[in-house]
Protein backbone atom coordinates (compact mmCIF):
# COMPACT_ATOMS: atom_id res chain seq x y z
CA MET A 1 17.87 50.39 -146.91
CA GLN A 2 20.98 48.26 -147.48
CA LEU A 3 20.65 46.94 -143.93
CA ASN A 4 17.10 45.76 -144.65
CA GLU A 5 18.31 44.12 -147.84
CA ALA A 6 20.90 42.22 -145.80
CA ALA A 7 18.12 41.10 -143.45
CA MET A 8 15.97 39.91 -146.37
CA GLN A 9 18.85 37.89 -147.79
CA GLN A 10 19.55 36.19 -144.46
CA LEU A 11 15.87 35.47 -143.86
CA THR A 12 15.62 33.90 -147.32
CA GLU A 13 18.70 31.73 -146.80
CA ARG A 14 18.15 30.51 -143.23
CA GLY A 15 14.95 31.92 -141.72
CA TYR A 16 16.64 34.34 -139.33
CA ALA A 17 18.78 37.46 -139.62
CA ILE A 18 21.32 39.27 -137.47
CA VAL A 19 22.16 42.82 -138.58
CA PRO A 20 24.71 44.81 -136.51
CA GLN A 21 24.29 48.61 -136.36
CA TRP A 22 20.78 48.40 -137.82
CA LEU A 23 19.88 51.28 -135.52
CA ALA A 24 22.23 54.26 -135.29
CA ALA A 25 23.95 54.90 -131.95
CA GLN A 26 22.28 58.31 -131.60
CA THR A 27 18.84 56.74 -132.08
CA VAL A 28 19.68 54.03 -129.55
CA GLY A 29 20.50 56.82 -127.10
CA HIS A 30 17.16 58.53 -127.67
CA VAL A 31 15.18 55.33 -127.06
CA ASN A 32 17.28 54.56 -123.98
CA GLN A 33 16.09 57.78 -122.35
CA LEU A 34 12.60 56.27 -122.18
CA PHE A 35 13.72 53.66 -119.65
CA SER A 36 13.87 56.37 -116.99
CA GLU A 37 10.67 58.09 -118.15
CA LEU A 38 8.15 55.25 -118.56
CA GLU A 39 6.54 52.90 -116.06
CA PHE A 40 7.50 49.27 -116.65
CA VAL A 41 5.52 46.32 -115.27
CA PRO A 42 6.58 42.68 -114.68
CA ALA A 43 6.29 40.64 -117.87
CA LYS A 44 3.83 37.75 -118.06
CA VAL A 45 3.67 34.46 -119.93
CA GLY A 46 0.64 32.85 -121.56
CA LYS A 47 -2.20 34.41 -123.53
CA GLY A 48 -5.56 35.94 -122.71
CA GLU A 49 -7.04 34.67 -119.47
CA ASN A 50 -3.98 32.48 -118.92
CA LEU A 51 -1.57 35.41 -118.57
CA GLN A 52 0.44 35.14 -115.37
CA GLU A 53 3.69 36.25 -113.81
CA ARG A 54 6.19 33.38 -113.78
CA PRO A 55 9.57 34.70 -112.57
CA GLU A 56 11.03 31.20 -112.83
CA ILE A 57 10.40 31.45 -116.61
CA ARG A 58 11.07 35.11 -117.36
CA GLY A 59 12.36 37.95 -115.21
CA ASP A 60 12.01 41.04 -117.37
CA SER A 61 9.66 43.99 -117.10
CA THR A 62 8.01 45.61 -120.12
CA TYR A 63 6.35 48.71 -121.49
CA TRP A 64 4.03 48.05 -124.45
CA ILE A 65 4.14 50.69 -127.18
CA ASN A 66 0.77 52.07 -128.25
CA PRO A 67 1.46 53.30 -131.82
CA LEU A 68 -1.31 55.91 -131.53
CA VAL A 69 0.37 57.68 -128.61
CA ALA A 70 3.98 56.50 -128.90
CA PRO A 71 6.64 58.64 -127.21
CA PHE A 72 8.36 61.04 -129.59
CA LYS A 73 11.80 59.57 -128.84
CA ILE A 74 10.83 56.21 -130.35
CA LEU A 75 9.00 57.41 -133.46
CA SER A 76 11.97 57.18 -135.84
CA THR A 77 12.65 53.64 -134.62
CA LEU A 78 9.04 52.64 -135.20
CA GLU A 79 9.28 54.13 -138.70
CA ALA A 80 12.39 52.04 -139.38
CA LEU A 81 10.55 48.93 -138.19
CA GLU A 82 7.61 49.76 -140.46
CA ASN A 83 10.04 50.00 -143.40
CA LEU A 84 11.37 46.58 -142.40
CA ARG A 85 7.83 45.19 -142.36
CA LEU A 86 7.18 46.56 -145.83
CA SER A 87 10.45 45.00 -147.05
CA CYS A 88 9.32 41.62 -145.66
CA ASN A 89 6.10 41.83 -147.63
CA ARG A 90 7.71 43.10 -150.79
CA GLU A 91 10.66 40.70 -150.86
CA LEU A 92 9.42 37.65 -148.94
CA PHE A 93 5.62 37.85 -149.39
CA LEU A 94 5.04 37.25 -145.67
CA GLY A 95 1.65 38.96 -145.64
CA VAL A 96 2.31 40.77 -142.36
CA ARG A 97 -0.21 43.57 -141.97
CA ASP A 98 0.47 44.88 -138.48
CA SER A 99 2.98 44.89 -135.65
CA GLU A 100 3.26 45.12 -131.87
CA PHE A 101 6.30 46.07 -129.82
CA HIS A 102 7.37 46.55 -126.23
CA LEU A 103 10.44 47.83 -124.46
CA ALA A 104 12.00 45.14 -122.27
CA ARG A 105 14.22 45.59 -119.24
CA TYR A 106 16.11 42.65 -117.73
CA PRO A 107 17.75 43.42 -114.38
CA ALA A 108 21.10 41.79 -113.67
CA GLY A 109 20.63 38.06 -113.28
CA ALA A 110 17.27 37.93 -115.08
CA PHE A 111 16.60 35.47 -117.91
CA TYR A 112 13.89 34.07 -120.18
CA ARG A 113 13.74 30.28 -120.51
CA LYS A 114 13.61 28.62 -123.92
CA HIS A 115 10.28 29.23 -125.66
CA ASN A 116 8.53 29.78 -129.00
CA ASP A 117 7.00 33.14 -129.81
CA ARG A 118 4.02 31.79 -131.71
CA HIS A 119 1.25 30.71 -129.35
CA GLU A 120 -0.28 27.27 -129.84
CA THR A 121 -3.74 28.80 -130.19
CA SER A 122 -2.84 31.66 -132.56
CA SER A 123 -0.89 32.02 -135.80
CA GLN A 124 -0.80 35.83 -135.72
CA ARG A 125 2.91 36.16 -135.03
CA VAL A 126 4.91 35.62 -138.21
CA LEU A 127 8.24 37.35 -137.63
CA SER A 128 9.89 38.10 -134.28
CA VAL A 129 12.01 41.26 -134.20
CA ILE A 130 14.47 42.40 -131.51
CA VAL A 131 16.49 45.62 -131.47
CA TYR A 132 19.12 45.85 -128.73
CA LEU A 133 19.57 49.10 -126.79
CA ASN A 134 22.61 48.38 -124.60
CA ASP A 135 25.53 50.83 -124.36
CA ASN A 136 29.10 49.51 -124.37
CA TRP A 137 28.04 45.89 -123.89
CA GLN A 138 30.95 43.50 -123.33
CA PRO A 139 31.09 39.70 -123.79
CA SER A 140 31.66 39.39 -120.04
CA ASP A 141 28.25 41.05 -119.48
CA GLY A 142 26.48 37.93 -120.78
CA GLY A 143 22.79 38.19 -121.65
CA GLU A 144 23.12 36.43 -125.01
CA LEU A 145 20.12 35.48 -127.10
CA VAL A 146 20.40 31.76 -127.88
CA ILE A 147 18.61 30.65 -131.06
CA TYR A 148 17.71 26.99 -131.65
CA ASN A 149 16.58 25.21 -134.78
CA PRO A 150 13.21 23.39 -134.89
CA ALA A 151 14.97 20.28 -133.54
CA HIS A 152 16.03 22.35 -130.48
CA GLN A 153 19.71 22.28 -131.41
CA GLU A 154 21.61 25.49 -130.67
CA ILE A 155 22.55 27.31 -133.87
CA GLU A 156 23.44 30.87 -132.81
CA ARG A 157 24.34 33.05 -129.84
CA VAL A 158 23.85 36.78 -130.20
CA LEU A 159 25.47 39.31 -127.87
CA PRO A 160 22.94 42.13 -127.26
CA LEU A 161 25.06 44.95 -128.65
CA GLY A 162 23.31 48.31 -128.96
CA GLY A 163 21.84 48.85 -132.44
CA THR A 164 21.90 45.18 -133.46
CA MET A 165 18.65 43.87 -134.95
CA VAL A 166 17.68 40.20 -134.86
CA CYS A 167 14.62 38.76 -136.58
CA PHE A 168 13.40 35.22 -137.17
CA LEU A 169 10.32 33.28 -138.21
CA SER A 170 8.30 33.08 -135.02
CA ALA A 171 7.03 29.54 -135.50
CA ASP A 172 10.37 27.97 -136.39
CA PHE A 173 13.01 29.07 -133.89
CA PRO A 174 12.86 28.38 -130.15
CA HIS A 175 15.10 30.80 -128.25
CA GLU A 176 16.09 31.96 -124.78
CA VAL A 177 17.74 34.88 -123.03
CA LEU A 178 20.69 34.04 -120.80
CA PRO A 179 21.32 35.89 -117.50
CA SER A 180 23.39 39.06 -117.71
CA GLN A 181 25.73 40.80 -115.29
CA ARG A 182 24.00 44.18 -115.69
CA GLU A 183 20.71 45.58 -116.90
CA ARG A 184 19.84 44.44 -120.41
CA ARG A 185 17.54 46.48 -122.67
CA SER A 186 15.74 45.83 -125.93
CA LEU A 187 12.80 46.74 -128.12
CA THR A 188 11.04 43.48 -128.92
CA GLY A 189 7.96 42.58 -130.91
CA TRP A 190 6.34 40.87 -133.85
CA PHE A 191 5.05 41.40 -137.36
CA LEU A 192 1.53 40.02 -137.46
CA THR A 193 -0.95 38.61 -139.95
CA GLY A 194 -3.77 40.41 -138.13
CA GLY A 195 -4.38 43.34 -135.83
CA SER A 196 -2.18 44.17 -132.87
CA ASN A 197 -3.22 43.32 -129.34
CA VAL A 198 -1.99 46.73 -128.16
CA LEU A 199 -5.21 48.70 -127.74
CA PRO A 200 -5.51 52.49 -127.67
CA LEU A 201 -5.30 54.03 -124.18
């Protein structure tokens, strides 16, 4: 709970939070096992009918989590994220009623160009949340998350160390993923004002 309190304080002060060791190493290991058990597909950009693969923009592959049939190995992590969502409502009055998350895999050399998480045609996404799942990540491995302010000035670089949680107001902070020297893994998603787009299977 103290880790969520630290996140709430940072969100209040600057609109984004970086919390190392938010997820225990053992839990990171459990979620990591899913990367060899699940079928990932190339990520797309856009929304609705405009969804398309654009490898010149993003090079990751994803597996969207259906909360109704989520793998057992990720349940405790989803519970921790739900507690974080409740903290956001209780402490910050964000009014987020739902969430959606996917596992993301970036092969060596892959990146995601600078972008905003909130779509121009939808205000559903309120808070972006990333939990890193990388073992023994070194600065030389690269793959940093670069966060920009609304004026597109760089304000933070975050090394994707396993267990670190990053969250930020989706409408306010453009960001990008830099290329890495080895596979880069994360659980990424959003707290939403409305229902999730992840439909039951």
